[in-house]
Amino acid sequence: MPVRLKKFIGIVLIVALVMLYALLATTIATLTLAQSPWWVHFLYFLLSGVLWVVPAMLIIKWMAGPVQKNRP
């Protein structure tokens, strides 16, 4: 697969991941944390704000994978 295509697919996947993850995390927080104290909100958003990095790292690792060199 060409490097440019791989990077384009990776960028589209990361943007989609961030948008869907933010919507899901906010929906869960709205439905479950309505009567919780401030520190529960803080911990939830701290953890959910960092958790999206794991799948994004996997996508970036795939994007930066081994480059196939053209052999003569």
N, C-alpha and C. Protein backbone atom coordinates (compact mmCIF):
# COMPACT_ATOMS: atom_id res chain seq x y z
N MET A 1 0.85 -1.17 0.00
CA MET A 1 0.00 0.00 0.00
C MET A 1 0.90 1.24 0.00
N PRO A 2 0.60 2.21 -0.84
CA PRO A 2 1.41 3.43 -0.87
C PRO A 2 1.35 4.18 0.46
N VAL A 3 2.45 4.82 0.79
CA VAL A 3 2.57 5.52 2.07
C VAL A 3 1.53 6.65 2.17
N ARG A 4 1.34 7.38 1.09
CA ARG A 4 0.39 8.49 1.13
C ARG A 4 -1.03 8.01 1.38
N LEU A 5 -1.41 6.90 0.78
CA LEU A 5 -2.74 6.34 1.00
C LEU A 5 -2.89 5.85 2.43
N LYS A 6 -1.85 5.22 2.94
CA LYS A 6 -1.86 4.73 4.31
C LYS A 6 -2.04 5.88 5.30
N LYS A 7 -1.33 6.98 5.07
CA LYS A 7 -1.44 8.14 5.96
C LYS A 7 -2.81 8.80 5.84
N PHE A 8 -3.36 8.85 4.63
CA PHE A 8 -4.69 9.43 4.45
C PHE A 8 -5.74 8.61 5.19
N ILE A 9 -5.68 7.29 5.05
CA ILE A 9 -6.63 6.42 5.75
C ILE A 9 -6.46 6.57 7.26
N GLY A 10 -5.23 6.65 7.73
CA GLY A 10 -4.97 6.81 9.15
C GLY A 10 -5.53 8.11 9.70
N ILE A 11 -5.35 9.20 8.96
CA ILE A 11 -5.88 10.49 9.41
C ILE A 11 -7.41 10.45 9.48
N VAL A 12 -8.04 9.86 8.47
CA VAL A 12 -9.51 9.76 8.48
C VAL A 12 -9.96 8.91 9.67
N LEU A 13 -9.27 7.81 9.93
CA LEU A 13 -9.62 6.96 11.07
C LEU A 13 -9.45 7.69 12.40
N ILE A 14 -8.38 8.45 12.55
CA ILE A 14 -8.15 9.17 13.81
C ILE A 14 -9.21 10.25 14.03
N VAL A 15 -9.55 10.98 12.98
CA VAL A 15 -10.58 12.01 13.11
C VAL A 15 -11.92 11.37 13.48
N ALA A 16 -12.27 10.27 12.81
CA ALA A 16 -13.52 9.57 13.13
C ALA A 16 -13.49 9.03 14.56
N LEU A 17 -12.36 8.48 14.97
CA LEU A 17 -12.22 7.96 16.32
C LEU A 17 -12.44 9.06 17.36
N VAL A 18 -11.82 10.19 17.17
CA VAL A 18 -11.94 11.28 18.14
C VAL A 18 -13.38 11.78 18.21
N MET A 19 -14.02 11.94 17.06
CA MET A 19 -15.40 12.43 17.06
C MET A 19 -16.35 11.44 17.73
N LEU A 20 -16.25 10.17 17.36
CA LEU A 20 -17.14 9.17 17.95
C LEU A 20 -16.84 8.95 19.43
N TYR A 21 -15.58 8.96 19.79
CA TYR A 21 -15.21 8.76 21.19
C TYR A 21 -15.70 9.91 22.07
N ALA A 22 -15.56 11.14 21.58
CA ALA A 22 -16.03 12.29 22.34
C ALA A 22 -17.54 12.24 22.52
N LEU A 23 -18.25 11.88 21.48
CA LEU A 23 -19.71 11.76 21.58
C LEU A 23 -20.10 10.67 22.56
N LEU A 24 -19.45 9.53 22.48
CA LEU A 24 -19.76 8.43 23.39
C LEU A 24 -19.41 8.77 24.84
N ALA A 25 -18.24 9.34 25.07
CA ALA A 25 -17.83 9.68 26.44
C ALA A 25 -18.75 10.72 27.05
N THR A 26 -19.15 11.70 26.27
CA THR A 26 -20.04 12.74 26.78
C THR A 26 -21.44 12.19 27.04
N THR A 27 -21.90 11.31 26.18
CA THR A 27 -23.22 10.69 26.39
C THR A 27 -23.23 9.84 27.65
N ILE A 28 -22.21 9.05 27.85
CA ILE A 28 -22.13 8.23 29.06
C ILE A 28 -22.08 9.11 30.29
N ALA A 29 -21.30 10.17 30.24
CA ALA A 29 -21.20 11.07 31.39
C ALA A 29 -22.54 11.74 31.68
N THR A 30 -23.23 12.16 30.65
CA THR A 30 -24.52 12.83 30.84
C THR A 30 -25.55 11.88 31.45
N LEU A 31 -25.56 10.64 31.01
CA LEU A 31 -26.55 9.69 31.49
C LEU A 31 -26.24 9.12 32.87
N THR A 32 -24.97 9.03 33.24
CA THR A 32 -24.63 8.34 34.49
C THR A 32 -24.08 9.23 35.60
N LEU A 33 -23.57 10.40 35.27
CA LEU A 33 -22.91 11.22 36.29
C LEU A 33 -23.71 12.45 36.71
N ALA A 34 -25.00 12.46 36.47
CA ALA A 34 -25.79 13.66 36.72
C ALA A 34 -25.76 14.09 38.19
N GLN A 35 -25.84 13.17 39.11
CA GLN A 35 -25.90 13.51 40.53
C GLN A 35 -24.58 13.25 41.27
N SER A 36 -23.53 13.03 40.53
CA SER A 36 -22.23 12.72 41.15
C SER A 36 -21.51 14.00 41.58
N PRO A 37 -20.64 13.89 42.58
CA PRO A 37 -19.86 15.06 43.00
C PRO A 37 -18.83 15.46 41.94
N TRP A 38 -18.25 16.63 42.13
CA TRP A 38 -17.33 17.19 41.14
C TRP A 38 -16.12 16.32 40.91
N TRP A 39 -15.62 15.67 41.96
CA TRP A 39 -14.40 14.88 41.81
C TRP A 39 -14.64 13.62 40.99
N VAL A 40 -15.87 13.08 40.98
CA VAL A 40 -16.19 11.93 40.13
C VAL A 40 -16.19 12.38 38.66
N HIS A 41 -16.75 13.55 38.40
CA HIS A 41 -16.71 14.12 37.05
C HIS A 41 -15.26 14.32 36.61
N PHE A 42 -14.45 14.87 37.50
CA PHE A 42 -13.05 15.12 37.19
C PHE A 42 -12.32 13.83 36.83
N LEU A 43 -12.49 12.79 37.66
CA LEU A 43 -11.82 11.52 37.40
C LEU A 43 -12.32 10.87 36.11
N TYR A 44 -13.64 10.94 35.89
CA TYR A 44 -14.19 10.34 34.67
C TYR A 44 -13.61 11.01 33.43
N PHE A 45 -13.64 12.33 33.39
CA PHE A 45 -13.16 13.03 32.21
C PHE A 45 -11.64 12.96 32.09
N LEU A 46 -10.94 12.84 33.20
CA LEU A 46 -9.49 12.64 33.13
C LEU A 46 -9.17 11.28 32.48
N LEU A 47 -9.82 10.23 32.95
CA LEU A 47 -9.57 8.90 32.40
C LEU A 47 -10.09 8.77 30.97
N SER A 48 -11.29 9.26 30.73
CA SER A 48 -11.83 9.14 29.37
C SER A 48 -11.09 10.06 28.39
N GLY A 49 -10.51 11.13 28.89
CA GLY A 49 -9.74 12.01 28.04
C GLY A 49 -8.40 11.43 27.63
N VAL A 50 -7.88 10.50 28.41
CA VAL A 50 -6.61 9.87 28.10
C VAL A 50 -6.81 8.54 27.38
N LEU A 51 -7.93 7.90 27.58
CA LEU A 51 -8.17 6.56 27.05
C LEU A 51 -8.21 6.50 25.52
N TRP A 52 -8.61 7.56 24.85
CA TRP A 52 -8.68 7.55 23.39
C TRP A 52 -7.30 7.46 22.75
N VAL A 53 -6.28 7.75 23.52
CA VAL A 53 -4.92 7.74 22.98
C VAL A 53 -4.48 6.32 22.59
N VAL A 54 -4.98 5.31 23.29
CA VAL A 54 -4.57 3.93 23.02
C VAL A 54 -4.93 3.51 21.59
N PRO A 55 -6.19 3.62 21.16
CA PRO A 55 -6.46 3.25 19.77
C PRO A 55 -5.80 4.19 18.76
N ALA A 56 -5.63 5.46 19.12
CA ALA A 56 -4.96 6.38 18.21
C ALA A 56 -3.49 5.98 18.03
N MET A 57 -2.85 5.51 19.10
CA MET A 57 -1.46 5.05 18.98
C MET A 57 -1.36 3.85 18.06
N LEU A 58 -2.33 2.96 18.13
CA LEU A 58 -2.32 1.79 17.26
C LEU A 58 -2.47 2.20 15.79
N ILE A 59 -3.33 3.18 15.54
CA ILE A 59 -3.50 3.67 14.17
C ILE A 59 -2.22 4.33 13.68
N ILE A 60 -1.61 5.15 14.52
CA ILE A 60 -0.36 5.82 14.14
C ILE A 60 0.75 4.81 13.91
N LYS A 61 0.80 3.78 14.74
CA LYS A 61 1.80 2.74 14.56
C LYS A 61 1.60 2.03 13.22
N TRP A 62 0.35 1.78 12.86
CA TRP A 62 0.06 1.17 11.56
C TRP A 62 0.46 2.10 10.42
N MET A 63 0.18 3.40 10.58
CA MET A 63 0.53 4.37 9.55
C MET A 63 2.04 4.44 9.33
N ALA A 64 2.79 4.35 10.40
CA ALA A 64 4.25 4.50 10.32
C ALA A 64 4.95 3.16 10.20
N GLY A 65 4.21 2.14 9.83
CA GLY A 65 4.76 0.79 9.72
C GLY A 65 5.90 0.72 8.72
N PRO A 66 6.40 -0.48 8.51
CA PRO A 66 7.54 -0.64 7.60
C PRO A 66 7.19 -0.19 6.18
N VAL A 67 8.09 0.56 5.62
CA VAL A 67 7.91 1.07 4.26
C VAL A 67 8.51 0.08 3.28
N GLN A 68 7.74 -0.26 2.28
CA GLN A 68 8.26 -1.18 1.26
C GLN A 68 9.08 -0.39 0.27
N LYS A 69 10.30 -0.84 0.06
CA LYS A 69 11.19 -0.16 -0.90
C LYS A 69 11.07 -0.84 -2.25
N ASN A 70 11.11 -0.04 -3.29
CA ASN A 70 11.07 -0.59 -4.64
C ASN A 70 12.41 -1.23 -4.96
N ARG A 71 12.35 -2.43 -5.39
CA ARG A 71 13.58 -3.14 -5.77
C ARG A 71 13.72 -3.10 -7.28
N PRO A 72 14.93 -2.86 -7.76
CA PRO A 72 15.10 -2.78 -9.23
C PRO A 72 14.97 -4.11 -9.92
